[in-house]
Each structure stands twice: as C-alpha cells, then as structure tokens.
C-alpha atoms as a PDB file:
ATOM      1  CA  MET A   1       8.438-246.606 158.140  1.00  0.00           C
ATOM      2  CA  ASP A   2       7.452-249.945 157.048  1.00  0.00           C
ATOM      3  CA  GLN A   3       8.889-253.353 158.587  1.00  0.00           C
ATOM      4  CA  GLN A   4      11.582-254.045 155.986  1.00  0.00           C
ATOM      5  CA  THR A   5      12.911-250.168 156.521  1.00  0.00           C
ATOM      6  CA  ARG A   6      12.884-250.820 160.425  1.00  0.00           C
ATOM      7  CA  ARG A   7      14.614-254.443 159.663  1.00  0.00           C
ATOM      8  CA  ILE A   8      17.661-252.463 157.948  1.00  0.00           C
ATOM      9  CA  ILE A   9      17.867-250.185 161.128  1.00  0.00           C
ATOM     10  CA  GLN A  10      17.943-252.575 163.522  1.00  0.00           C
ATOM     11  CA  THR A  11      20.548-254.653 161.937  1.00  0.00           C
ATOM     12  CA  ILE A  12      22.785-251.659 161.838  1.00  0.00           C
ATOM     13  CA  ARG A  13      22.174-250.902 165.328  1.00  0.00           C
ATOM     14  CA  ASP A  14      22.981-254.875 166.367  1.00  0.00           C
ATOM     15  CA  ASP A  15      26.112-255.110 164.431  1.00  0.00           C
ATOM     16  CA  ARG A  16      28.630-255.879 166.891  1.00  0.00           C
ATOM     17  CA  GLN A  17      31.426-257.096 164.717  1.00  0.00           C
ATOM     18  CA  SER A  18      31.965-254.666 161.750  1.00  0.00           C
ATOM     19  CA  GLY A  19      34.323-251.729 161.980  1.00  0.00           C
ATOM     20  CA  ALA A  20      33.359-248.552 161.073  1.00  0.00           C
ATOM     21  CA  THR A  21      34.281-248.480 157.356  1.00  0.00           C
ATOM     22  CA  GLN A  22      32.695-251.715 156.869  1.00  0.00           C
ATOM     23  CA  LEU A  23      29.425-251.140 158.910  1.00  0.00           C
ATOM     24  CA  ALA A  24      29.032-247.441 156.527  1.00  0.00           C
ATOM     25  CA  SER A  25      29.706-250.223 153.487  1.00  0.00           C
ATOM     26  CA  ALA A  26      27.268-252.658 154.627  1.00  0.00           C
ATOM     27  CA  ALA A  27      24.443-250.252 155.082  1.00  0.00           C
ATOM     28  CA  LEU A  28      24.677-248.557 152.111  1.00  0.00           C
ATOM     29  CA  SER A  29      24.433-252.172 150.485  1.00  0.00           C
ATOM     30  CA  VAL A  30      21.452-252.657 152.066  1.00  0.00           C
ATOM     31  CA  VAL A  31      20.119-249.446 151.198  1.00  0.00           C
ATOM     32  CA  ARG A  32      21.160-250.055 147.419  1.00  0.00           C
ATOM     33  CA  ASP A  33      19.456-253.375 147.091  1.00  0.00           C
ATOM     34  CA  TRP A  34      16.430-251.962 148.955  1.00  0.00           C
ATOM     35  CA  LEU A  35      15.811-249.389 146.424  1.00  0.00           C
ATOM     36  CA  ALA A  36      16.670-251.866 143.331  1.00  0.00           C
ATOM     37  CA  SER A  37      13.650-254.124 145.240  1.00  0.00           C
ATOM     38  CA  GLY A  38      11.045-251.892 143.673  1.00  0.00           C
ATOM     39  CA  LYS A  39       8.920-248.464 143.866  1.00  0.00           C
ATOM     40  CA  VAL A  40      10.361-246.153 146.955  1.00  0.00           C
ATOM     41  CA  PRO A  41       9.072-243.108 147.995  1.00  0.00           C
ATOM     42  CA  ALA A  42      11.321-239.717 148.700  1.00  0.00           C
ATOM     43  CA  SER A  43       9.771-239.603 152.197  1.00  0.00           C
ATOM     44  CA  LEU A  44      10.482-242.947 152.963  1.00  0.00           C
ATOM     45  CA  LEU A  45      14.253-242.835 151.666  1.00  0.00           C
ATOM     46  CA  GLU A  46      15.096-239.667 153.481  1.00  0.00           C
ATOM     47  CA  GLN A  47      13.191-241.262 156.513  1.00  0.00           C
ATOM     48  CA  LEU A  48      15.334-244.521 156.359  1.00  0.00           C
ATOM     49  CA  LEU A  49      18.597-242.090 155.901  1.00  0.00           C
ATOM     50  CA  ASP A  50      17.896-239.997 159.036  1.00  0.00           C
ATOM     51  CA  GLU A  51      17.573-243.072 161.019  1.00  0.00           C
ATOM     52  CA  LEU A  52      20.514-244.348 159.846  1.00  0.00           C
ATOM     53  CA  THR A  53      22.478-241.432 160.320  1.00  0.00           C
ATOM     54  CA  ARG A  54      21.627-241.163 164.113  1.00  0.00           C
ATOM     55  CA  ALA A  55      21.897-245.595 164.502  1.00  0.00           C
ATOM     56  CA  ARG A  56      25.364-245.699 165.547  1.00  0.00           C
ATOM     57  CA  PRO A  57      26.633-242.326 167.004  1.00  0.00           C
ATOM     58  CA  SER A  58      30.374-243.557 167.778  1.00  0.00           C
ATOM     59  CA  MET A  59      30.750-244.391 164.191  1.00  0.00           C
ATOM     60  CA  VAL A  60      30.753-241.602 162.315  1.00  0.00           C
ATOM     61  CA  PRO A  61      31.642-242.866 158.319  1.00  0.00           C
ATOM     62  CA  LEU A  62      27.787-243.936 158.224  1.00  0.00           C
ATOM     63  CA  ALA A  63      26.392-240.581 158.830  1.00  0.00           C
ATOM     64  CA  ASN A  64      29.554-238.866 156.540  1.00  0.00           C
ATOM     65  CA  ALA A  65      28.458-241.425 153.512  1.00  0.00           C
ATOM     66  CA  ILE A  66      24.928-241.210 153.964  1.00  0.00           C
ATOM     67  CA  ALA A  67      25.379-237.532 153.917  1.00  0.00           C
ATOM     68  CA  ARG A  68      27.153-237.329 151.071  1.00  0.00           C
ATOM     69  CA  CYS A  69      24.762-239.406 149.141  1.00  0.00           C
ATOM     70  CA  GLN A  70      22.020-236.625 150.112  1.00  0.00           C
ATOM     71  CA  GLU A  71      24.386-234.120 149.033  1.00  0.00           C
ATOM     72  CA  LEU A  72      24.570-236.059 145.350  1.00  0.00           C
ATOM     73  CA  PHE A  73      20.984-237.021 145.189  1.00  0.00           C
ATOM     74  CA  GLY A  74      19.800-233.513 143.469  1.00  0.00           C
ATOM     75  CA  PRO A  75      15.917-232.431 143.344  1.00  0.00           C
ATOM     76  CA  TRP A  76      14.244-235.460 143.085  1.00  0.00           C
ATOM     77  CA  ARG A  77      12.581-235.704 139.697  1.00  0.00           C
ATOM     78  CA  ASP A  78       9.501-237.847 140.772  1.00  0.00           C
ATOM     79  CA  SER A  79       9.371-237.913 144.381  1.00  0.00           C
ATOM     80  CA  SER A  80       6.724-240.883 144.365  1.00  0.00           C
ATOM     81  CA  ASN A  81       9.109-243.304 143.009  1.00  0.00           C
ATOM     82  CA  VAL A  82      12.973-242.103 143.304  1.00  0.00           C
ATOM     83  CA  SER A  83      14.873-245.576 143.201  1.00  0.00           C
ATOM     84  CA  GLU A  84      16.092-245.134 139.794  1.00  0.00           C
ATOM     85  CA  GLN A  85      17.667-241.465 140.830  1.00  0.00           C
ATOM     86  CA  ALA A  86      18.944-242.766 143.765  1.00  0.00           C
ATOM     87  CA  ALA A  87      20.256-245.911 143.227  1.00  0.00           C
ATOM     88  CA  PRO A  88      23.420-244.778 140.833  1.00  0.00           C
ATOM     89  CA  VAL A  89      24.443-242.428 143.604  1.00  0.00           C
ATOM     90  CA  VAL A  90      24.457-244.830 146.518  1.00  0.00           C
ATOM     91  CA  ARG A  91      26.387-247.073 144.221  1.00  0.00           C
ATOM     92  CA  SER A  92      29.061-244.258 143.869  1.00  0.00           C
ATOM     93  CA  VAL A  93      29.362-243.580 147.615  1.00  0.00           C
ATOM     94  CA  LEU A  94      30.207-247.067 148.130  1.00  0.00           C
ATOM     95  CA  GLU A  95      32.645-247.329 145.448  1.00  0.00           C
ATOM     96  CA  GLN A  96      34.316-244.023 147.186  1.00  0.00           C
ATOM     97  CA  LEU A  97      34.669-246.099 150.480  1.00  0.00           C
ATOM     98  CA  ALA A  98      35.993-248.967 148.614  1.00  0.00           C
ATOM     99  CA  ARG A  99      38.473-246.846 147.137  1.00  0.00           C
ATOM    100  CA  ALA A 100      39.374-244.701 150.240  1.00  0.00           C
ATOM    101  CA  ASN A 101      39.930-248.533 151.993  1.00  0.00           C
ATOM    102  CA  GLU A 102      42.234-249.403 149.174  1.00  0.00           C
ATOM    103  CA  ARG A 103      44.552-246.270 149.447  1.00  0.00           C
ATOM    104  CA  VAL A 104      44.854-246.333 153.138  1.00  0.00           C
ATOM    105  CA  ALA A 105      45.945-250.112 153.154  1.00  0.00           C
ATOM    106  CA  LEU A 106      48.153-249.262 150.183  1.00  0.00           C
ATOM    107  CA  SER A 107      50.174-246.463 152.141  1.00  0.00           C
ATOM    108  CA  ALA A 108      50.042-247.935 155.308  1.00  0.00           C
ATOM    109  CA  PHE A 109      51.619-251.272 153.688  1.00  0.00           C
ATOM    110  CA  GLU A 110      55.014-248.944 153.285  1.00  0.00           C
ATOM    111  CA  LEU A 111      55.295-248.882 157.117  1.00  0.00           C
ATOM    112  CA  VAL A 112      55.451-252.459 157.378  1.00  0.00           C
ATOM    113  CA  PRO A 113      59.187-254.419 157.324  1.00  0.00           C
ATOM    114  CA  GLU A 114      59.218-257.587 156.211  1.00  0.00           C
ATOM    115  CA  GLN A 115      58.954-260.285 158.911  1.00  0.00           C
ATOM    116  CA  ALA A 116      57.316-258.044 160.706  1.00  0.00           C
ATOM    117  CA  THR A 117      54.982-258.859 164.290  1.00  0.00           C
ATOM    118  CA  ILE A 118      52.232-256.355 164.066  1.00  0.00           C
ATOM    119  CA  LEU A 119      49.742-256.152 167.477  1.00  0.00           C
ATOM    120  CA  THR A 120      46.231-255.106 166.919  1.00  0.00           C
ATOM    121  CA  HIS A 121      43.075-254.251 169.024  1.00  0.00           C
ATOM    122  CA  SER A 122      39.953-255.155 167.883  1.00  0.00           C
ATOM    123  CA  ARG A 123      38.798-255.640 163.889  1.00  0.00           C
ATOM    124  CA  SER A 124      39.298-252.720 161.805  1.00  0.00           C
ATOM    125  CA  SER A 125      38.144-253.211 158.319  1.00  0.00           C
ATOM    126  CA  GLN A 126      41.135-250.972 157.082  1.00  0.00           C
ATOM    127  CA  VAL A 127      43.576-253.193 159.473  1.00  0.00           C
ATOM    128  CA  VAL A 128      42.129-256.381 157.781  1.00  0.00           C
ATOM    129  CA  ALA A 129      42.542-254.509 153.996  1.00  0.00           C
ATOM    130  CA  LEU A 130      45.861-253.693 154.692  1.00  0.00           C
ATOM    131  CA  PHE A 131      46.327-257.749 156.403  1.00  0.00           C
ATOM    132  CA  ARG A 132      45.094-259.079 152.779  1.00  0.00           C
ATOM    133  CA  LEU A 133      47.090-256.973 150.902  1.00  0.00           C
ATOM    134  CA  LEU A 134      50.383-257.898 152.725  1.00  0.00           C
ATOM    135  CA  ALA A 135      49.170-261.542 152.062  1.00  0.00           C
ATOM    136  CA  ASP A 136      48.067-260.566 148.841  1.00  0.00           C
ATOM    137  CA  ARG A 137      51.692-259.560 148.179  1.00  0.00           C
ATOM    138  CA  GLN A 138      53.343-262.372 149.889  1.00  0.00           C
ATOM    139  CA  HIS A 139      55.142-259.675 152.595  1.00  0.00           C
ATOM    140  CA  PRO A 140      55.729-261.920 155.546  1.00  0.00           C
ATOM    141  CA  PHE A 141      54.653-260.614 158.589  1.00  0.00           C
ATOM    142  CA  SER A 142      52.977-262.315 162.140  1.00  0.00           C
ATOM    143  CA  VAL A 143      50.165-260.502 163.887  1.00  0.00           C
ATOM    144  CA  ILE A 144      49.375-260.684 167.616  1.00  0.00           C
ATOM    145  CA  CYS A 145      45.595-259.502 168.600  1.00  0.00           C
ATOM    146  CA  THR A 146      43.427-259.010 171.276  1.00  0.00           C
ATOM    147  CA  GLN A 147      40.179-260.866 172.294  1.00  0.00           C
ATOM    148  CA  SER A 148      38.497-257.258 172.482  1.00  0.00           C
ATOM    149  CA  SER A 149      35.677-258.351 174.855  1.00  0.00           C
ATOM    150  CA  PRO A 150      33.119-258.128 175.095  1.00  0.00           C
ATOM    151  CA  GLY A 151      32.308-258.403 171.490  1.00  0.00           C
ATOM    152  CA  ASN A 152      35.274-260.408 171.097  1.00  0.00           C
ATOM    153  CA  GLU A 153      35.960-259.331 167.283  1.00  0.00           C
ATOM    154  CA  GLY A 154      39.512-260.656 167.751  1.00  0.00           C
ATOM    155  CA  PHE A 155      38.106-263.782 167.543  1.00  0.00           C
ATOM    156  CA  THR A 156      36.729-263.152 163.838  1.00  0.00           C
ATOM    157  CA  LEU A 157      40.454-261.382 162.626  1.00  0.00           C
ATOM    158  CA  ALA A 158      42.242-264.844 164.237  1.00  0.00           C
ATOM    159  CA  ARG A 159      39.780-267.069 162.175  1.00  0.00           C
ATOM    160  CA  GLU A 160      40.673-264.422 159.101  1.00  0.00           C
ATOM    161  CA  LEU A 161      44.137-264.444 159.785  1.00  0.00           C
ATOM    162  CA  ASP A 162      44.172-268.228 160.047  1.00  0.00           C
ATOM    163  CA  GLU A 163      42.295-268.526 156.894  1.00  0.00           C
ATOM    164  CA  LEU A 164      45.342-266.315 154.859  1.00  0.00           C
ATOM    165  CA  GLY A 165      48.145-268.314 156.077  1.00  0.00           C
ATOM    166  CA  VAL A 166      49.288-265.608 158.411  1.00  0.00           C
ATOM    167  CA  PRO A 167      50.393-266.692 162.152  1.00  0.00           C
ATOM    168  CA  VAL A 168      48.522-265.191 164.486  1.00  0.00           C
ATOM    169  CA  THR A 169      48.357-265.064 168.794  1.00  0.00           C
ATOM    170  CA  LEU A 170      45.427-264.342 170.279  1.00  0.00           C
ATOM    171  CA  ILE A 171      45.673-262.830 173.586  1.00  0.00           C
ATOM    172  CA  THR A 172      43.180-261.361 176.352  1.00  0.00           C
ATOM    173  CA  ASP A 173      42.911-257.460 176.161  1.00  0.00           C
ATOM    174  CA  ALA A 174      44.612-257.643 179.349  1.00  0.00           C
ATOM    175  CA  GLN A 175      48.227-258.952 178.210  1.00  0.00           C
ATOM    176  CA  THR A 176      48.915-255.857 175.940  1.00  0.00           C
ATOM    177  CA  GLY A 177      51.129-254.553 177.773  1.00  0.00           C
ATOM    178  CA  LEU A 178      52.846-258.269 177.986  1.00  0.00           C
ATOM    179  CA  PHE A 179      53.169-258.872 174.651  1.00  0.00           C
ATOM    180  CA  MET A 180      54.442-255.592 173.342  1.00  0.00           C
ATOM    181  CA  PRO A 181      57.943-256.271 173.476  1.00  0.00           C
ATOM    182  CA  GLU A 182      57.274-259.003 170.974  1.00  0.00           C
ATOM    183  CA  ALA A 183      55.985-256.326 168.245  1.00  0.00           C
ATOM    184  CA  ASP A 184      57.699-254.444 166.073  1.00  0.00           C
ATOM    185  CA  LEU A 185      54.546-251.958 165.608  1.00  0.00           C
ATOM    186  CA  VAL A 186      51.330-251.375 166.442  1.00  0.00           C
ATOM    187  CA  PHE A 187      48.129-250.567 163.936  1.00  0.00           C
ATOM    188  CA  SER A 188      44.750-249.417 165.147  1.00  0.00           C
ATOM    189  CA  GLY A 189      41.385-248.648 163.462  1.00  0.00           C
ATOM    190  CA  CYS A 190      39.398-245.449 164.204  1.00  0.00           C
ATOM    191  CA  ASP A 191      35.626-245.403 164.132  1.00  0.00           C
ATOM    192  CA  THR A 192      35.876-241.443 164.352  1.00  0.00           C
ATOM    193  CA  TRP A 193      38.765-238.768 163.640  1.00  0.00           C
ATOM    194  CA  LEU A 194      37.359-235.920 166.474  1.00  0.00           C
ATOM    195  CA  SER A 195      38.359-232.625 165.725  1.00  0.00           C
ATOM    196  CA  ASP A 196      40.234-231.891 168.552  1.00  0.00           C
ATOM    197  CA  GLN A 197      43.287-234.155 168.296  1.00  0.00           C
ATOM    198  CA  HIS A 198      41.668-237.110 169.754  1.00  0.00           C
ATOM    199  CA  PHE A 199      39.787-240.695 167.893  1.00  0.00           C
ATOM    200  CA  VAL A 200      37.496-242.914 169.062  1.00  0.00           C
ATOM    201  CA  ASN A 201      37.996-246.162 168.752  1.00  0.00           C
ATOM    202  CA  LYS A 202      37.031-249.770 170.650  1.00  0.00           C
ATOM    203  CA  SER A 203      37.373-249.329 174.609  1.00  0.00           C
ATOM    204  CA  GLY A 204      40.840-250.913 175.020  1.00  0.00           C
ATOM    205  CA  THR A 205      42.559-248.673 172.540  1.00  0.00           C
ATOM    206  CA  TYR A 206      43.695-245.835 175.397  1.00  0.00           C
ATOM    207  CA  LEU A 207      45.683-248.859 177.185  1.00  0.00           C
ATOM    208  CA  LEU A 208      47.058-250.288 173.820  1.00  0.00           C
ATOM    209  CA  ALA A 209      48.373-246.387 172.972  1.00  0.00           C
ATOM    210  CA  LEU A 210      49.857-246.098 176.559  1.00  0.00           C
ATOM    211  CA  ALA A 211      51.672-249.663 176.439  1.00  0.00           C
ATOM    212  CA  ALA A 212      53.217-249.138 173.055  1.00  0.00           C
ATOM    213  CA  ARG A 213      54.419-245.778 173.732  1.00  0.00           C
ATOM    214  CA  ASP A 214      55.831-246.479 177.113  1.00  0.00           C
ATOM    215  CA  GLN A 215      57.693-249.554 175.449  1.00  0.00           C
ATOM    216  CA  GLY A 216      58.429-246.911 172.393  1.00  0.00           C
ATOM    217  CA  LYS A 217      57.007-249.097 169.592  1.00  0.00           C
ATOM    218  CA  PRO A 218      55.186-247.221 166.779  1.00  0.00           C
ATOM    219  CA  LEU A 219      51.520-246.903 166.678  1.00  0.00           C
ATOM    220  CA  TRP A 220      50.017-245.580 163.326  1.00  0.00           C
ATOM    221  CA  VAL A 221      45.873-245.087 162.865  1.00  0.00           C
ATOM    222  CA  LEU A 222      44.325-246.047 159.926  1.00  0.00           C
ATOM    223  CA  ALA A 223      41.725-243.940 159.471  1.00  0.00           C
ATOM    224  CA  ASP A 224      40.354-242.611 155.997  1.00  0.00           C
ATOM    225  CA  SER A 225      38.640-239.236 155.294  1.00  0.00           C
ATOM    226  CA  PHE A 226      35.174-240.282 155.869  1.00  0.00           C
ATOM    227  CA  LYS A 227      35.744-240.572 159.457  1.00  0.00           C
ATOM    228  CA  ASP A 228      36.791-236.893 160.072  1.00  0.00           C
ATOM    229  CA  SER A 229      34.139-235.228 162.462  1.00  0.00           C
ATOM    230  CA  PRO A 230      33.733-232.221 163.657  1.00  0.00           C
ATOM    231  CA  ASP A 231      32.662-233.571 166.611  1.00  0.00           C
ATOM    232  CA  THR A 232      35.218-233.134 170.404  1.00  0.00           C
ATOM    233  CA  VAL A 233      35.925-235.367 173.096  1.00  0.00           C
ATOM    234  CA  GLN A 234      33.284-233.306 174.785  1.00  0.00           C
ATOM    235  CA  SER A 235      30.392-233.442 172.247  1.00  0.00           C
ATOM    236  CA  VAL A 236      31.391-237.049 170.651  1.00  0.00           C
ATOM    237  CA  ALA A 237      28.331-239.798 171.883  1.00  0.00           C
ATOM    238  CA  LEU A 238      30.112-242.908 172.960  1.00  0.00           C
ATOM    239  CA  GLU A 239      27.648-245.809 172.279  1.00  0.00           C
ATOM    240  CA  GLU A 240      27.242-248.068 176.095  1.00  0.00           C
ATOM    241  CA  MET A 241      25.849-251.391 174.905  1.00  0.00           C
ATOM    242  CA  THR A 242      23.595-253.661 177.417  1.00  0.00           C
ATOM    243  CA  PRO A 243      25.300-254.491 180.646  1.00  0.00           C
ATOM    244  CA  GLU A 244      24.223-258.183 180.525  1.00  0.00           C
ATOM    245  CA  GLU A 245      26.486-258.821 177.597  1.00  0.00           C
ATOM    246  CA  LEU A 246      29.498-258.729 180.175  1.00  0.00           C
ATOM    247  CA  GLY A 247      27.434-261.878 182.002  1.00  0.00           C
ATOM    248  CA  GLY A 248      28.555-260.471 185.260  1.00  0.00           C
ATOM    249  CA  PRO A 249      26.867-260.524 189.032  1.00  0.00           C
ATOM    250  CA  THR A 250      23.417-258.728 189.777  1.00  0.00           C
ATOM    251  CA  GLY A 251      22.921-256.951 193.185  1.00  0.00           C
ATOM    252  CA  ALA A 252      21.534-253.980 194.753  1.00  0.00           C
ATOM    253  CA  HIS A 253      24.751-252.870 195.064  1.00  0.00           C
ATOM    254  CA  ILE A 254      26.383-253.460 191.657  1.00  0.00           C
ATOM    255  CA  ARG A 255      26.284-251.104 188.537  1.00  0.00           C
ATOM    256  CA  THR A 256      27.897-252.710 185.791  1.00  0.00           C
ATOM    257  CA  ARG A 257      28.767-250.447 182.484  1.00  0.00           C
ATOM    258  CA  ASN A 258      29.335-252.123 179.063  1.00  0.00           C
ATOM    259  CA  ILE A 259      30.851-248.400 177.194  1.00  0.00           C
ATOM    260  CA  TYR A 260      31.888-249.725 173.614  1.00  0.00           C
ATOM    261  CA  PHE A 261      33.784-246.953 172.367  1.00  0.00           C
ATOM    262  CA  GLU A 262      36.515-244.380 174.167  1.00  0.00           C
ATOM    263  CA  THR A 263      38.784-241.634 172.664  1.00  0.00           C
ATOM    264  CA  VAL A 264      42.327-241.491 172.531  1.00  0.00           C
ATOM    265  CA  PRO A 265      44.497-238.320 172.315  1.00  0.00           C
ATOM    266  CA  VAL A 266      46.970-238.274 169.284  1.00  0.00           C
ATOM    267  CA  GLN A 267      49.883-237.340 171.221  1.00  0.00           C
ATOM    268  CA  LEU A 268      49.932-241.020 172.082  1.00  0.00           C
ATOM    269  CA  VAL A 269      50.449-242.126 168.400  1.00  0.00           C
ATOM    270  CA  THR A 270      52.953-242.282 166.107  1.00  0.00           C
ATOM    271  CA  GLY A 271      50.628-240.353 163.008  1.00  0.00           C
ATOM    272  CA  ARG A 272      47.463-241.486 161.018  1.00  0.00           C
ATOM    273  CA  VAL A 273      47.489-243.117 157.721  1.00  0.00           C
ATOM    274  CA  SER A 274      44.195-241.806 155.595  1.00  0.00           C
ATOM    275  CA  ASP A 275      43.569-242.062 152.222  1.00  0.00           C
ATOM    276  CA  GLN A 276      45.130-238.572 151.543  1.00  0.00           C
ATOM    277  CA  GLY A 277      48.497-239.773 152.993  1.00  0.00           C
ATOM    278  CA  VAL A 278      50.520-240.464 156.102  1.00  0.00           C
ATOM    279  CA  PHE A 279      50.886-237.872 158.877  1.00  0.00           C
ATOM    280  CA  SER A 280      52.970-238.009 162.109  1.00  0.00           C
ATOM    281  CA  PHE A 281      52.628-236.339 165.169  1.00  0.00           C
ATOM    282  CA  PRO A 282      53.466-233.848 166.095  1.00  0.00           C
ATOM    283  CA  ALA A 283      52.184-232.169 163.033  1.00  0.00           C
ATOM    284  CA  GLU A 284      54.207-233.026 159.973  1.00  0.00           C
ATOM    285  CA  PRO A 285      53.878-232.797 156.384  1.00  0.00           C
ATOM    286  CA  ARG A 286      52.059-235.898 154.552  1.00  0.00           C
ATOM    287  CA  ARG A 287      54.455-238.226 152.774  1.00  0.00           C
END
C-alpha cells in the first residue's frame, strides 16, 4: 500500500469519537474522495477495503458497508483503473447508510413524549440524529449524558446539544444510577448487534442497562440493519485501547486495562429501534 492508503487506515483506527455508523460513513467518504482523486488499480482498492474491514472489529457497520460495496462492484471492466466504476457504488452505499440513519431517528421520535428527559451514554451518531430531529421539529426535551470516559465522547455530545439549544446535564459515568430517577427514558447506541441476543456498545452501557431495569425506565437501543453481525458473545472481538489513555499509576504489580466495548444482553433493554421498525423484548411484532 502507498502512504495515502496507510493514512486512511490509521485515521479510522485512531478515531475514538465517532459512533459506529458515523465511522462507517467517514471511512466510505474518504474512499469516495480517494477514488475521485485519480487512477486507482483494483488490487490497491481491494487491499485498502480489506484492511478497513479489519480496522475496527467492534464496530461492524464499517465491515458491513464495505461488504455491500464489494458485492455491488461486479467484475472490473479495467482492473488497472477502477475509479470510475467503483465511485458510484461507494456513493450509493453512503446514501443507504444515511437513509437507514434517518429511518431510525424517525421511528425513535415516536417514542419520545414532550418535555421528556432522556439519559444516554457515550455518543451514538444515531442518537444524535434523533436529538437533531427533535430539535428541528421543536419537540421540547432535555438530556442527561455521561462523560463516557476515557474517550469523553459525552463532552462532544454536550457541546452539540448546547449548540442546538437543548438543556443538557453532563455527569460522570459513575453517576448513572444516581441520575436515573430524573430520566423519563433512556436511549443507547449500538456498535454491533450480535446473533445471540446481545449487542456491543461502549463500556458502561451494561451498567446503564442495569440501572434502567432496576428503576423501571424504558431503554431503547438504536441500531440499524448495518449493525447486524453473525458473531456471538463468544466470538466477537472487543477492542482494547492503550492503558496510558487512563493516566493511571504504574508499578511492578499494577496492570491497567482499557477495554472500550462490552456486550449487553437484550433481556435488560426494552427494545431495538432499527431502520426496519421498532422491536420489543421479549420478541414482539415490529411496529
């Protein structure tokens, strides 16, 4: 691979702020622009896409979006330069990602009563899309968001809500249970929806779900079909980041762990909102 494609891969690997859908869209946008910049041989495109598929194993929309592109490419007319053939396919899948995001937000909108206080953890691009839709339609609501350490994605979310004019209370992850009584409902993002009735999201989501269940608060997971994976709790890869990010002490007997993602059983949540409808648990017909 050349220097430019290595930079693309490293940028996606280093992204700690984007949600799964946003990361997939960002990656495909970079690939689209790269294809438009000049002649790209099939071998280099295929190598880049294979590396991107493996770049973020806990965030399956990226791999699924790339797989959809590869299915649609078809046989190359000219393997020495595939830019013209590949670019429209990448644009099409980007549009599919955007439409799925919009459908999730529209379905989730119907679950939010006026003047609701919503509690959320981390920063899901699909949850953000819902918040923007609520604000655009002047549907009054407020948000409690966690800091979401160590990446502090909640800081970004709090700034975005402030810019939208939405009242937001920023709390530490450890205060989730303390503030749960103030929430009317809870929305969670999702990085991967597993095949064995679990989903993957930022670490801290399991405790969020336990607190919501204990205090009788509905918890809806926003997860479009790009997030579906054949993996299970036993086979899914949970990304672990550098321990230095925590800023903790070092010592001969200290071992620091920084696992960014965790699995959550769907039995702890109210249901899933996808681009195909709203599903409750235990399983009920979509609505």
